[in-house]
Amino acid sequence: MAVFLNSIGLCAPGLSDWLTGQSVLAGLTPYQPDEPLRFNRLRLPRNEARRASSTVRLALQAATEALDQVGIDTSSCSAVFACSGGNTEALDALCRALIEPGRPISPNHFNNSVHNAPLG
């Protein structure tokens, strides 16, 4: 099996893109932690962007950078993201609700926490 890597997208606090991150990852420049990332380049409809978890936003940001490097029109691309652990943000909210007395568990969080939740 042959694999061809055409471009790389990188997205992390302090490593905003592949160009910035290369020297840090090579050990030539010290890593400088930065504020949490803002995902400004997501090319999603507003309602989809609002519902996307931070994990999906991170993946889309890195994918957008990689696609931009090779000049691929992202309006014609589709993406499917899956996670074996479900939506980690929803799982965290559920676990926190369980330890707080009197705080009900949100049905919205439960629906998004299970493995059969719709992929986005």
PDB file of N, CA and C in Angstrom:
ATOM      1  N   MET A   1       0.841  -1.175   0.000  1.00  0.00           N
ATOM      2  CA  MET A   1       0.000   0.000   0.000  1.00  0.00           C
ATOM      3  C   MET A   1       0.888   1.241   0.000  1.00  0.00           C
ATOM      4  N   ALA A   2       0.580   2.189  -0.851  1.00  0.00           N
ATOM      5  CA  ALA A   2       1.328   3.439  -0.927  1.00  0.00           C
ATOM      6  C   ALA A   2       0.512   4.560  -0.303  1.00  0.00           C
ATOM      7  N   VAL A   3       1.208   5.456   0.369  1.00  0.00           N
ATOM      8  CA  VAL A   3       0.561   6.611   0.983  1.00  0.00           C
ATOM      9  C   VAL A   3       1.248   7.862   0.459  1.00  0.00           C
ATOM     10  N   PHE A   4       0.461   8.851   0.115  1.00  0.00           N
ATOM     11  CA  PHE A   4       0.994  10.123  -0.368  1.00  0.00           C
ATOM     12  C   PHE A   4       0.477  11.231   0.536  1.00  0.00           C
ATOM     13  N   LEU A   5       1.379  11.986   1.113  1.00  0.00           N
ATOM     14  CA  LEU A   5       1.023  13.109   1.975  1.00  0.00           C
ATOM     15  C   LEU A   5       1.278  14.392   1.197  1.00  0.00           C
ATOM     16  N   ASN A   6       0.207  15.106   0.895  1.00  0.00           N
ATOM     17  CA  ASN A   6       0.312  16.296   0.058  1.00  0.00           C
ATOM     18  C   ASN A   6       0.458  17.573   0.869  1.00  0.00           C
ATOM     19  N   SER A   7      -0.105  17.611   2.061  1.00  0.00           N
ATOM     20  CA  SER A   7      -0.028  18.804   2.899  1.00  0.00           C
ATOM     21  C   SER A   7      -0.350  18.436   4.338  1.00  0.00           C
ATOM     22  N   ILE A   8      -0.039  19.361   5.237  1.00  0.00           N
ATOM     23  CA  ILE A   8      -0.261  19.137   6.664  1.00  0.00           C
ATOM     24  C   ILE A   8      -0.962  20.353   7.244  1.00  0.00           C
ATOM     25  N   GLY A   9      -1.917  20.101   8.103  1.00  0.00           N
ATOM     26  CA  GLY A   9      -2.558  21.165   8.870  1.00  0.00           C
ATOM     27  C   GLY A   9      -2.257  20.940  10.339  1.00  0.00           C
ATOM     28  N   LEU A  10      -1.961  21.995  11.055  1.00  0.00           N
ATOM     29  CA  LEU A  10      -1.644  21.904  12.481  1.00  0.00           C
ATOM     30  C   LEU A  10      -2.449  22.956  13.218  1.00  0.00           C
ATOM     31  N   CYS A  11      -2.989  22.568  14.351  1.00  0.00           N
ATOM     32  CA  CYS A  11      -3.832  23.486  15.102  1.00  0.00           C
ATOM     33  C   CYS A  11      -3.761  23.103  16.577  1.00  0.00           C
ATOM     34  N   ALA A  12      -3.129  23.955  17.378  1.00  0.00           N
ATOM     35  CA  ALA A  12      -3.006  23.714  18.817  1.00  0.00           C
ATOM     36  C   ALA A  12      -2.653  25.035  19.495  1.00  0.00           C
ATOM     37  N   PRO A  13      -2.919  25.173  20.792  1.00  0.00           N
ATOM     38  CA  PRO A  13      -2.524  26.414  21.473  1.00  0.00           C
ATOM     39  C   PRO A  13      -1.014  26.634  21.342  1.00  0.00           C
ATOM     40  N   GLY A  14      -0.628  27.782  20.828  1.00  0.00           N
ATOM     41  CA  GLY A  14       0.784  28.080  20.617  1.00  0.00           C
ATOM     42  C   GLY A  14       1.326  27.570  19.297  1.00  0.00           C
ATOM     43  N   LEU A  15       0.565  26.765  18.602  1.00  0.00           N
ATOM     44  CA  LEU A  15       0.949  26.235  17.291  1.00  0.00           C
ATOM     45  C   LEU A  15      -0.232  26.470  16.355  1.00  0.00           C
ATOM     46  N   SER A  16      -0.384  27.697  15.918  1.00  0.00           N
ATOM     47  CA  SER A  16      -1.596  28.083  15.201  1.00  0.00           C
ATOM     48  C   SER A  16      -1.703  27.514  13.793  1.00  0.00           C
ATOM     49  N   ASP A  17      -0.571  27.135  13.204  1.00  0.00           N
ATOM     50  CA  ASP A  17      -0.603  26.555  11.862  1.00  0.00           C
ATOM     51  C   ASP A  17       0.694  25.781  11.624  1.00  0.00           C
ATOM     52  N   TRP A  18       0.752  25.084  10.496  1.00  0.00           N
ATOM     53  CA  TRP A  18       1.901  24.238  10.193  1.00  0.00           C
ATOM     54  C   TRP A  18       3.181  25.054  10.041  1.00  0.00           C
ATOM     55  N   LEU A  19       3.109  26.190   9.382  1.00  0.00           N
ATOM     56  CA  LEU A  19       4.295  27.021   9.181  1.00  0.00           C
ATOM     57  C   LEU A  19       4.885  27.456  10.522  1.00  0.00           C
ATOM     58  N   THR A  20       4.041  27.894  11.433  1.00  0.00           N
ATOM     59  CA  THR A  20       4.486  28.310  12.767  1.00  0.00           C
ATOM     60  C   THR A  20       5.004  27.123  13.575  1.00  0.00           C
ATOM     61  N   GLY A  21       4.337  26.002  13.464  1.00  0.00           N
ATOM     62  CA  GLY A  21       4.656  24.850  14.297  1.00  0.00           C
ATOM     63  C   GLY A  21       5.889  24.067  13.907  1.00  0.00           C
ATOM     64  N   GLN A  22       6.336  24.172  12.659  1.00  0.00           N
ATOM     65  CA  GLN A  22       7.471  23.359  12.203  1.00  0.00           C
ATOM     66  C   GLN A  22       8.721  23.554  13.045  1.00  0.00           C
ATOM     67  N   SER A  23       9.101  24.790  13.309  1.00  0.00           N
ATOM     68  CA  SER A  23      10.340  25.032  14.058  1.00  0.00           C
ATOM     69  C   SER A  23      10.194  24.606  15.517  1.00  0.00           C
ATOM     70  N   VAL A  24       9.001  24.727  16.062  1.00  0.00           N
ATOM     71  CA  VAL A  24       8.774  24.278  17.446  1.00  0.00           C
ATOM     72  C   VAL A  24       8.869  22.764  17.517  1.00  0.00           C
ATOM     73  N   LEU A  25       8.216  22.080  16.596  1.00  0.00           N
ATOM     74  CA  LEU A  25       8.236  20.616  16.599  1.00  0.00           C
ATOM     75  C   LEU A  25       9.618  20.057  16.288  1.00  0.00           C
ATOM     76  N   ALA A  26      10.431  20.800  15.545  1.00  0.00           N
ATOM     77  CA  ALA A  26      11.802  20.371  15.244  1.00  0.00           C
ATOM     78  C   ALA A  26      12.763  20.693  16.385  1.00  0.00           C
ATOM     79  N   GLY A  27      12.285  21.400  17.416  1.00  0.00           N
ATOM     80  CA  GLY A  27      13.132  21.751  18.553  1.00  0.00           C
ATOM     81  C   GLY A  27      13.998  22.973  18.319  1.00  0.00           C
ATOM     82  N   LEU A  28      13.744  23.731  17.263  1.00  0.00           N
ATOM     83  CA  LEU A  28      14.550  24.913  16.949  1.00  0.00           C
ATOM     84  C   LEU A  28      14.055  26.165  17.663  1.00  0.00           C
ATOM     85  N   THR A  29      12.792  26.192  17.993  1.00  0.00           N
ATOM     86  CA  THR A  29      12.163  27.322  18.671  1.00  0.00           C
ATOM     87  C   THR A  29      11.445  26.789  19.900  1.00  0.00           C
ATOM     88  N   PRO A  30      11.566  27.464  21.046  1.00  0.00           N
ATOM     89  CA  PRO A  30      10.860  26.972  22.235  1.00  0.00           C
ATOM     90  C   PRO A  30       9.345  27.123  22.081  1.00  0.00           C
ATOM     91  N   TYR A  31       8.635  26.181  22.635  1.00  0.00           N
ATOM     92  CA  TYR A  31       7.171  26.223  22.610  1.00  0.00           C
ATOM     93  C   TYR A  31       6.682  27.312  23.549  1.00  0.00           C
ATOM     94  N   GLN A  32       5.799  28.149  23.076  1.00  0.00           N
ATOM     95  CA  GLN A  32       5.199  29.211  23.879  1.00  0.00           C
ATOM     96  C   GLN A  32       3.694  28.954  23.955  1.00  0.00           C
ATOM     97  N   PRO A  33       3.209  28.467  25.102  1.00  0.00           N
ATOM     98  CA  PRO A  33       1.756  28.244  25.210  1.00  0.00           C
ATOM     99  C   PRO A  33       1.005  29.541  24.936  1.00  0.00           C
ATOM    100  N   ASP A  34      -0.143  29.409  24.365  1.00  0.00           N
ATOM    101  CA  ASP A  34      -0.931  30.573  23.983  1.00  0.00           C
ATOM    102  C   ASP A  34      -2.355  30.392  24.486  1.00  0.00           C
ATOM    103  N   GLU A  35      -3.165  31.384  24.240  1.00  0.00           N
ATOM    104  CA  GLU A  35      -4.573  31.329  24.612  1.00  0.00           C
ATOM    105  C   GLU A  35      -5.256  30.185  23.864  1.00  0.00           C
ATOM    106  N   PRO A  36      -6.400  29.730  24.373  1.00  0.00           N
ATOM    107  CA  PRO A  36      -7.150  28.717  23.617  1.00  0.00           C
ATOM    108  C   PRO A  36      -7.441  29.209  22.200  1.00  0.00           C
ATOM    109  N   LEU A  37      -7.499  28.270  21.305  1.00  0.00           N
ATOM    110  CA  LEU A  37      -7.666  28.600  19.895  1.00  0.00           C
ATOM    111  C   LEU A  37      -9.041  29.170  19.588  1.00  0.00           C
ATOM    112  N   ARG A  38      -9.065  30.070  18.627  1.00  0.00           N
ATOM    113  CA  ARG A  38     -10.327  30.562  18.065  1.00  0.00           C
ATOM    114  C   ARG A  38     -10.397  30.021  16.645  1.00  0.00           C
ATOM    115  N   PHE A  39     -11.487  29.410  16.359  1.00  0.00           N
ATOM    116  CA  PHE A  39     -11.632  28.767  15.058  1.00  0.00           C
ATOM    117  C   PHE A  39     -12.363  29.708  14.113  1.00  0.00           C
ATOM    118  N   ASN A  40     -11.602  30.558  13.447  1.00  0.00           N
ATOM    119  CA  ASN A  40     -12.179  31.582  12.592  1.00  0.00           C
ATOM    120  C   ASN A  40     -12.387  31.119  11.158  1.00  0.00           C
ATOM    121  N   ARG A  41     -11.696  30.081  10.769  1.00  0.00           N
ATOM    122  CA  ARG A  41     -11.743  29.693   9.357  1.00  0.00           C
ATOM    123  C   ARG A  41     -12.680  28.526   9.095  1.00  0.00           C
ATOM    124  N   LEU A  42     -13.518  28.181  10.041  1.00  0.00           N
ATOM    125  CA  LEU A  42     -14.448  27.082   9.817  1.00  0.00           C
ATOM    126  C   LEU A  42     -15.431  27.478   8.728  1.00  0.00           C
ATOM    127  N   ARG A  43     -15.532  26.652   7.743  1.00  0.00           N
ATOM    128  CA  ARG A  43     -16.443  26.947   6.635  1.00  0.00           C
ATOM    129  C   ARG A  43     -17.684  26.082   6.788  1.00  0.00           C
ATOM    130  N   LEU A  44     -18.405  26.371   7.854  1.00  0.00           N
ATOM    131  CA  LEU A  44     -19.626  25.634   8.161  1.00  0.00           C
ATOM    132  C   LEU A  44     -20.796  26.601   8.205  1.00  0.00           C
ATOM    133  N   PRO A  45     -21.984  26.108   7.882  1.00  0.00           N
ATOM    134  CA  PRO A  45     -23.158  26.941   8.130  1.00  0.00           C
ATOM    135  C   PRO A  45     -23.227  27.293   9.617  1.00  0.00           C
ATOM    136  N   ARG A  46     -23.779  28.438   9.924  1.00  0.00           N
ATOM    137  CA  ARG A  46     -23.800  28.938  11.302  1.00  0.00           C
ATOM    138  C   ARG A  46     -24.382  27.922  12.294  1.00  0.00           C
ATOM    139  N   ASN A  47     -25.484  27.252  11.933  1.00  0.00           N
ATOM    140  CA  ASN A  47     -26.082  26.295  12.870  1.00  0.00           C
ATOM    141  C   ASN A  47     -25.179  25.080  13.091  1.00  0.00           C
ATOM    142  N   GLU A  48     -24.453  24.656  12.066  1.00  0.00           N
ATOM    143  CA  GLU A  48     -23.514  23.539  12.231  1.00  0.00           C
ATOM    144  C   GLU A  48     -22.320  23.956  13.080  1.00  0.00           C
ATOM    145  N   ALA A  49     -21.804  25.139  12.848  1.00  0.00           N
ATOM    146  CA  ALA A  49     -20.660  25.629  13.624  1.00  0.00           C
ATOM    147  C   ALA A  49     -21.022  25.747  15.098  1.00  0.00           C
ATOM    148  N   ARG A  50     -22.236  26.165  15.385  1.00  0.00           N
ATOM    149  CA  ARG A  50     -22.678  26.317  16.774  1.00  0.00           C
ATOM    150  C   ARG A  50     -22.732  24.963  17.484  1.00  0.00           C
ATOM    151  N   ARG A  51     -23.139  23.922  16.764  1.00  0.00           N
ATOM    152  CA  ARG A  51     -23.283  22.600  17.377  1.00  0.00           C
ATOM    153  C   ARG A  51     -21.988  21.796  17.399  1.00  0.00           C
ATOM    154  N   ALA A  52     -21.001  22.206  16.637  1.00  0.00           N
ATOM    155  CA  ALA A  52     -19.759  21.432  16.545  1.00  0.00           C
ATOM    156  C   ALA A  52     -18.986  21.493  17.860  1.00  0.00           C
ATOM    157  N   SER A  53     -18.499  20.340  18.296  1.00  0.00           N
ATOM    158  CA  SER A  53     -17.693  20.289  19.520  1.00  0.00           C
ATOM    159  C   SER A  53     -16.315  20.879  19.243  1.00  0.00           C
ATOM    160  N   SER A  54     -15.568  21.149  20.289  1.00  0.00           N
ATOM    161  CA  SER A  54     -14.222  21.701  20.100  1.00  0.00           C
ATOM    162  C   SER A  54     -13.317  20.709  19.374  1.00  0.00           C
ATOM    163  N   THR A  55     -13.553  19.418  19.553  1.00  0.00           N
ATOM    164  CA  THR A  55     -12.760  18.406  18.849  1.00  0.00           C
ATOM    165  C   THR A  55     -13.023  18.471  17.350  1.00  0.00           C
ATOM    166  N   VAL A  56     -14.282  18.596  16.966  1.00  0.00           N
ATOM    167  CA  VAL A  56     -14.628  18.708  15.549  1.00  0.00           C
ATOM    168  C   VAL A  56     -14.084  20.011  14.981  1.00  0.00           C
ATOM    169  N   ARG A  57     -14.181  21.095  15.734  1.00  0.00           N
ATOM    170  CA  ARG A  57     -13.656  22.385  15.277  1.00  0.00           C
ATOM    171  C   ARG A  57     -12.141  22.305  15.059  1.00  0.00           C
ATOM    172  N   LEU A  58     -11.446  21.642  15.978  1.00  0.00           N
ATOM    173  CA  LEU A  58     -10.001  21.473  15.855  1.00  0.00           C
ATOM    174  C   LEU A  58      -9.660  20.692  14.587  1.00  0.00           C
ATOM    175  N   ALA A  59     -10.365  19.593  14.356  1.00  0.00           N
ATOM    176  CA  ALA A  59     -10.114  18.779  13.167  1.00  0.00           C
ATOM    177  C   ALA A  59     -10.407  19.557  11.889  1.00  0.00           C
ATOM    178  N   LEU A  60     -11.504  20.302  11.878  1.00  0.00           N
ATOM    179  CA  LEU A  60     -11.850  21.084  10.689  1.00  0.00           C
ATOM    180  C   LEU A  60     -10.846  22.203  10.425  1.00  0.00           C
ATOM    181  N   GLN A  61     -10.358  22.824  11.488  1.00  0.00           N
ATOM    182  CA  GLN A  61      -9.367  23.897  11.323  1.00  0.00           C
ATOM    183  C   GLN A  61      -8.087  23.337  10.687  1.00  0.00           C
ATOM    184  N   ALA A  62      -7.613  22.202  11.198  1.00  0.00           N
ATOM    185  CA  ALA A  62      -6.401  21.586  10.643  1.00  0.00           C
ATOM    186  C   ALA A  62      -6.640  21.107   9.210  1.00  0.00           C
ATOM    187  N   ALA A  63      -7.804  20.529   8.951  1.00  0.00           N
ATOM    188  CA  ALA A  63      -8.121  20.061   7.600  1.00  0.00           C
ATOM    189  C   ALA A  63      -8.213  21.229   6.624  1.00  0.00           C
ATOM    190  N   THR A  64      -8.800  22.338   7.053  1.00  0.00           N
ATOM    191  CA  THR A  64      -8.911  23.518   6.196  1.00  0.00           C
ATOM    192  C   THR A  64      -7.530  24.042   5.827  1.00  0.00           C
ATOM    193  N   GLU A  65      -6.633  24.078   6.803  1.00  0.00           N
ATOM    194  CA  GLU A  65      -5.268  24.535   6.512  1.00  0.00           C
ATOM    195  C   GLU A  65      -4.599  23.620   5.495  1.00  0.00           C
ATOM    196  N   ALA A  66      -4.714  22.314   5.696  1.00  0.00           N
ATOM    197  CA  ALA A  66      -4.088  21.368   4.774  1.00  0.00           C
ATOM    198  C   ALA A  66      -4.674  21.501   3.371  1.00  0.00           C
ATOM    199  N   LEU A  67      -5.976  21.651   3.269  1.00  0.00           N
ATOM    200  CA  LEU A  67      -6.605  21.797   1.954  1.00  0.00           C
ATOM    201  C   LEU A  67      -6.227  23.117   1.293  1.00  0.00           C
ATOM    202  N   ASP A  68      -6.122  24.179   2.083  1.00  0.00           N
ATOM    203  CA  ASP A  68      -5.727  25.480   1.531  1.00  0.00           C
ATOM    204  C   ASP A  68      -4.315  25.442   0.953  1.00  0.00           C
ATOM    205  N   GLN A  69      -3.423  24.656   1.552  1.00  0.00           N
ATOM    206  CA  GLN A  69      -2.038  24.574   1.072  1.00  0.00           C
ATOM    207  C   GLN A  69      -1.949  24.022  -0.345  1.00  0.00           C
ATOM    208  N   VAL A  70      -2.867  23.149  -0.696  1.00  0.00           N
ATOM    209  CA  VAL A  70      -2.824  22.534  -2.025  1.00  0.00           C
ATOM    210  C   VAL A  70      -3.868  23.116  -2.968  1.00  0.00           C
ATOM    211  N   GLY A  71      -4.585  24.134  -2.505  1.00  0.00           N
ATOM    212  CA  GLY A  71      -5.526  24.824  -3.371  1.00  0.00           C
ATOM    213  C   GLY A  71      -6.799  24.064  -3.679  1.00  0.00           C
ATOM    214  N   ILE A  72      -7.212  23.187  -2.790  1.00  0.00           N
ATOM    215  CA  ILE A  72      -8.453  22.444  -3.000  1.00  0.00           C
ATOM    216  C   ILE A  72      -9.627  23.299  -2.541  1.00  0.00           C
ATOM    217  N   ASP A  73     -10.653  23.376  -3.367  1.00  0.00           N
ATOM    218  CA  ASP A  73     -11.854  24.131  -3.026  1.00  0.00           C
ATOM    219  C   ASP A  73     -12.627  23.366  -1.957  1.00  0.00           C
ATOM    220  N   THR A  74     -12.629  23.893  -0.750  1.00  0.00           N
ATOM    221  CA  THR A  74     -13.274  23.183   0.361  1.00  0.00           C
ATOM    222  C   THR A  74     -14.789  23.178   0.261  1.00  0.00           C
ATOM    223  N   SER A  75     -15.360  24.011  -0.585  1.00  0.00           N
ATOM    224  CA  SER A  75     -16.819  23.994  -0.713  1.00  0.00           C
ATOM    225  C   SER A  75     -17.307  22.710  -1.372  1.00  0.00           C
ATOM    226  N   SER A  76     -16.412  21.998  -2.045  1.00  0.00           N
ATOM    227  CA  SER A  76     -16.799  20.745  -2.689  1.00  0.00           C
ATOM    228  C   SER A  76     -16.378  19.518  -1.884  1.00  0.00           C
ATOM    229  N   CYS A  77     -15.818  19.730  -0.703  1.00  0.00           N
ATOM    230  CA  CYS A  77     -15.351  18.620   0.125  1.00  0.00           C
ATOM    231  C   CYS A  77     -16.377  18.265   1.194  1.00  0.00           C
ATOM    232  N   SER A  78     -16.368  17.015   1.576  1.00  0.00           N
ATOM    233  CA  SER A  78     -17.187  16.552   2.695  1.00  0.00           C
ATOM    234  C   SER A  78     -16.267  15.947   3.736  1.00  0.00           C
ATOM    235  N   ALA A  79     -16.725  15.944   4.972  1.00  0.00           N
ATOM    236  CA  ALA A  79     -15.918  15.368   6.049  1.00  0.00           C
ATOM    237  C   ALA A  79     -16.819  14.616   7.011  1.00  0.00           C
ATOM    238  N   VAL A  80     -16.301  13.518   7.525  1.00  0.00           N
ATOM    239  CA  VAL A  80     -16.995  12.757   8.557  1.00  0.00           C
ATOM    240  C   VAL A  80     -15.995  12.528   9.672  1.00  0.00           C
ATOM    241  N   PHE A  81     -16.372  12.884  10.891  1.00  0.00           N
ATOM    242  CA  PHE A  81     -15.518  12.678  12.048  1.00  0.00           C
ATOM    243  C   PHE A  81     -16.231  11.750  13.008  1.00  0.00           C
ATOM    244  N   ALA A  82     -15.498  10.815  13.545  1.00  0.00           N
ATOM    245  CA  ALA A  82     -16.069   9.883  14.506  1.00  0.00           C
ATOM    246  C   ALA A  82     -15.115   9.750  15.684  1.00  0.00           C
ATOM    247  N   CYS A  83     -15.671   9.440  16.827  1.00  0.00           N
ATOM    248  CA  CYS A  83     -14.870   9.293  18.035  1.00  0.00           C
ATOM    249  C   CYS A  83     -15.365   8.077  18.797  1.00  0.00           C
ATOM    250  N   SER A  84     -14.471   7.194  19.158  1.00  0.00           N
ATOM    251  CA  SER A  84     -14.881   5.983  19.864  1.00  0.00           C
ATOM    252  C   SER A  84     -15.395   6.275  21.259  1.00  0.00           C
ATOM    253  N   GLY A  85     -15.078   7.445  21.790  1.00  0.00           N
ATOM    254  CA  GLY A  85     -15.521   7.788  23.140  1.00  0.00           C
ATOM    255  C   GLY A  85     -16.719   8.708  23.185  1.00  0.00           C
ATOM    256  N   GLY A  86     -17.333   8.990  22.052  1.00  0.00           N
ATOM    257  CA  GLY A  86     -18.461   9.917  22.035  1.00  0.00           C
ATOM    258  C   GLY A  86     -17.978  11.356  22.144  1.00  0.00           C
ATOM    259  N   ASN A  87     -18.888  12.257  22.408  1.00  0.00           N
ATOM    260  CA  ASN A  87     -18.572  13.676  22.549  1.00  0.00           C
ATOM    261  C   ASN A  87     -17.987  13.901  23.938  1.00  0.00           C
ATOM    262  N   THR A  88     -16.695  14.146  24.014  1.00  0.00           N
ATOM    263  CA  THR A  88     -16.019  14.246  25.314  1.00  0.00           C
ATOM    264  C   THR A  88     -16.502  15.433  26.134  1.00  0.00           C
ATOM    265  N   GLU A  89     -16.892  16.518  25.489  1.00  0.00           N
ATOM    266  CA  GLU A  89     -17.414  17.665  26.238  1.00  0.00           C
ATOM    267  C   GLU A  89     -18.744  17.318  26.899  1.00  0.00           C
ATOM    268  N   ALA A  90     -19.604  16.600  26.176  1.00  0.00           N
ATOM    269  CA  ALA A  90     -20.886  16.187  26.747  1.00  0.00           C
ATOM    270  C   ALA A  90     -20.664  15.185  27.880  1.00  0.00           C
ATOM    271  N   LEU A  91     -19.714  14.263  27.698  1.00  0.00           N
ATOM    272  CA  LEU A  91     -19.417  13.295  28.763  1.00  0.00           C
ATOM    273  C   LEU A  91     -18.914  13.995  30.015  1.00  0.00           C
ATOM    274  N   ASP A  92     -18.068  14.998  29.854  1.00  0.00           N
ATOM    275  CA  ASP A  92     -17.564  15.759  30.991  1.00  0.00           C
ATOM    276  C   ASP A  92     -18.715  16.457  31.717  1.00  0.00           C
ATOM    277  N   ALA A  93     -19.617  17.070  30.962  1.00  0.00           N
ATOM    278  CA  ALA A  93     -20.765  17.753  31.578  1.00  0.00           C
ATOM    279  C   ALA A  93     -21.652  16.768  32.333  1.00  0.00           C
ATOM    280  N   LEU A  94     -21.845  15.579  31.773  1.00  0.00           N
ATOM    281  CA  LEU A  94     -22.653  14.561  32.456  1.00  0.00           C
ATOM    282  C   LEU A  94     -22.002  14.120  33.761  1.00  0.00           C
ATOM    283  N   CYS A  95     -20.712  13.859  33.726  1.00  0.00           N
ATOM    284  CA  CYS A  95     -20.007  13.420  34.942  1.00  0.00           C
ATOM    285  C   CYS A  95     -20.021  14.506  36.010  1.00  0.00           C
ATOM    286  N   ARG A  96     -19.847  15.746  35.606  1.00  0.00           N
ATOM    287  CA  ARG A  96     -19.902  16.850  36.573  1.00  0.00           C
ATOM    288  C   ARG A  96     -21.295  16.970  37.184  1.00  0.00           C
ATOM    289  N   ALA A  97     -22.322  16.770  36.374  1.00  0.00           N
ATOM    290  CA  ALA A  97     -23.697  16.846  36.880  1.00  0.00           C
ATOM    291  C   ALA A  97     -23.969  15.745  37.891  1.00  0.00           C
ATOM    292  N   LEU A  98     -23.366  14.592  37.694  1.00  0.00           N
ATOM    293  CA  LEU A  98     -23.596  13.470  38.612  1.00  0.00           C
ATOM    294  C   LEU A  98     -23.053  13.725  40.009  1.00  0.00           C
ATOM    295  N   ILE A  99     -22.007  14.529  40.130  1.00  0.00           N
ATOM    296  CA  ILE A  99     -21.419  14.755  41.454  1.00  0.00           C
ATOM    297  C   ILE A  99     -21.993  15.976  42.162  1.00  0.00           C
ATOM    298  N   GLU A 100     -22.813  16.752  41.466  1.00  0.00           N
ATOM    299  CA  GLU A 100     -23.401  17.931  42.088  1.00  0.00           C
ATOM    300  C   GLU A 100     -24.830  17.621  42.519  1.00  0.00           C
ATOM    301  N   PRO A 101     -25.118  17.742  43.818  1.00  0.00           N
ATOM    302  CA  PRO A 101     -26.465  17.412  44.296  1.00  0.00           C
ATOM    303  C   PRO A 101     -27.524  18.337  43.696  1.00  0.00           C
ATOM    304  N   GLY A 102     -28.628  17.731  43.299  1.00  0.00           N
ATOM    305  CA  GLY A 102     -29.754  18.499  42.807  1.00  0.00           C
ATOM    306  C   GLY A 102     -29.631  19.013  41.387  1.00  0.00           C
ATOM    307  N   ARG A 103     -28.515  18.753  40.762  1.00  0.00           N
ATOM    308  CA  ARG A 103     -28.353  19.246  39.386  1.00  0.00           C
ATOM    309  C   ARG A 103     -28.807  18.167  38.408  1.00  0.00           C
ATOM    310  N   PRO A 104     -29.840  18.435  37.642  1.00  0.00           N
ATOM    311  CA  PRO A 104     -30.320  17.412  36.701  1.00  0.00           C
ATOM    312  C   PRO A 104     -29.359  17.233  35.530  1.00  0.00           C
ATOM    313  N   ILE A 105     -29.405  16.071  34.966  1.00  0.00           N
ATOM    314  CA  ILE A 105     -28.597  15.781  33.780  1.00  0.00           C
ATOM    315  C   ILE A 105     -29.376  16.239  32.558  1.00  0.00           C
ATOM    316  N   SER A 106     -28.732  16.994  31.715  1.00  0.00           N
ATOM    317  CA  SER A 106     -29.381  17.515  30.518  1.00  0.00           C
ATOM    318  C   SER A 106     -29.593  16.405  29.488  1.00  0.00           C
ATOM    319  N   PRO A 107     -30.817  16.253  29.005  1.00  0.00           N
ATOM    320  CA  PRO A 107     -31.048  15.266  27.936  1.00  0.00           C
ATOM    321  C   PRO A 107     -30.230  15.575  26.683  1.00  0.00           C
ATOM    322  N   ASN A 108     -29.968  16.849  26.433  1.00  0.00           N
ATOM    323  CA  ASN A 108     -29.146  17.206  25.271  1.00  0.00           C
ATOM    324  C   ASN A 108     -27.735  16.670  25.408  1.00  0.00           C
ATOM    325  N   HIS A 109     -27.175  16.757  26.602  1.00  0.00           N
ATOM    326  CA  HIS A 109     -25.832  16.219  26.804  1.00  0.00           C
ATOM    327  C   HIS A 109     -25.824  14.708  26.644  1.00  0.00           C
ATOM    328  N   PHE A 110     -26.859  14.039  27.145  1.00  0.00           N
ATOM    329  CA  PHE A 110     -26.892  12.585  27.025  1.00  0.00           C
ATOM    330  C   PHE A 110     -26.983  12.168  25.560  1.00  0.00           C
ATOM    331  N   ASN A 111     -27.856  12.813  24.802  1.00  0.00           N
ATOM    332  CA  ASN A 111     -28.001  12.445  23.384  1.00  0.00           C
ATOM    333  C   ASN A 111     -26.691  12.574  22.623  1.00  0.00           C
ATOM    334  N   ASN A 112     -25.893  13.563  22.966  1.00  0.00           N
ATOM    335  CA  ASN A 112     -24.631  13.779  22.253  1.00  0.00           C
ATOM    336  C   ASN A 112     -23.474  12.969  22.816  1.00  0.00           C
ATOM    337  N   SER A 113     -23.698  12.244  23.896  1.00  0.00           N
ATOM    338  CA  SER A 113     -22.595  11.530  24.529  1.00  0.00           C
ATOM    339  C   SER A 113     -22.470  10.092  24.055  1.00  0.00           C
ATOM    340  N   VAL A 114     -23.499   9.544  23.476  1.00  0.00           N
ATOM    341  CA  VAL A 114     -23.490   8.128  23.120  1.00  0.00           C
ATOM    342  C   VAL A 114     -22.882   7.920  21.739  1.00  0.00           C
ATOM    343  N   HIS A 115     -22.458   6.686  21.485  1.00  0.00           N
ATOM    344  CA  HIS A 115     -21.748   6.374  20.245  1.00  0.00           C
ATOM    345  C   HIS A 115     -22.616   6.478  19.001  1.00  0.00           C
ATOM    346  N   ASN A 116     -23.930   6.386  19.170  1.00  0.00           N
ATOM    347  CA  ASN A 116     -24.774   6.437  17.977  1.00  0.00           C
ATOM    348  C   ASN A 116     -25.250   7.852  17.669  1.00  0.00           C
ATOM    349  N   ALA A 117     -24.617   8.842  18.289  1.00  0.00           N
ATOM    350  CA  ALA A 117     -24.950  10.232  17.972  1.00  0.00           C
ATOM    351  C   ALA A 117     -24.561  10.504  16.519  1.00  0.00           C
ATOM    352  N   PRO A 118     -25.284  11.365  15.829  1.00  0.00           N
ATOM    353  CA  PRO A 118     -24.950  11.657  14.428  1.00  0.00           C
ATOM    354  C   PRO A 118     -23.527  12.190  14.300  1.00  0.00           C
ATOM    355  N   LEU A 119     -22.873  11.765  13.265  1.00  0.00           N
ATOM    356  CA  LEU A 119     -21.521  12.254  12.996  1.00  0.00           C
ATOM    357  C   LEU A 119     -21.606  13.640  12.405  1.00  0.00           C
ATOM    358  N   GLY A 120     -20.574  14.461  12.698  1.00  0.00           N
ATOM    359  CA  GLY A 120     -20.583  15.814  12.152  1.00  0.00           C
ATOM    360  C   GLY A 120     -19.262  16.163  11.551  1.00  0.00           C
TER     361      GLY A 120
END
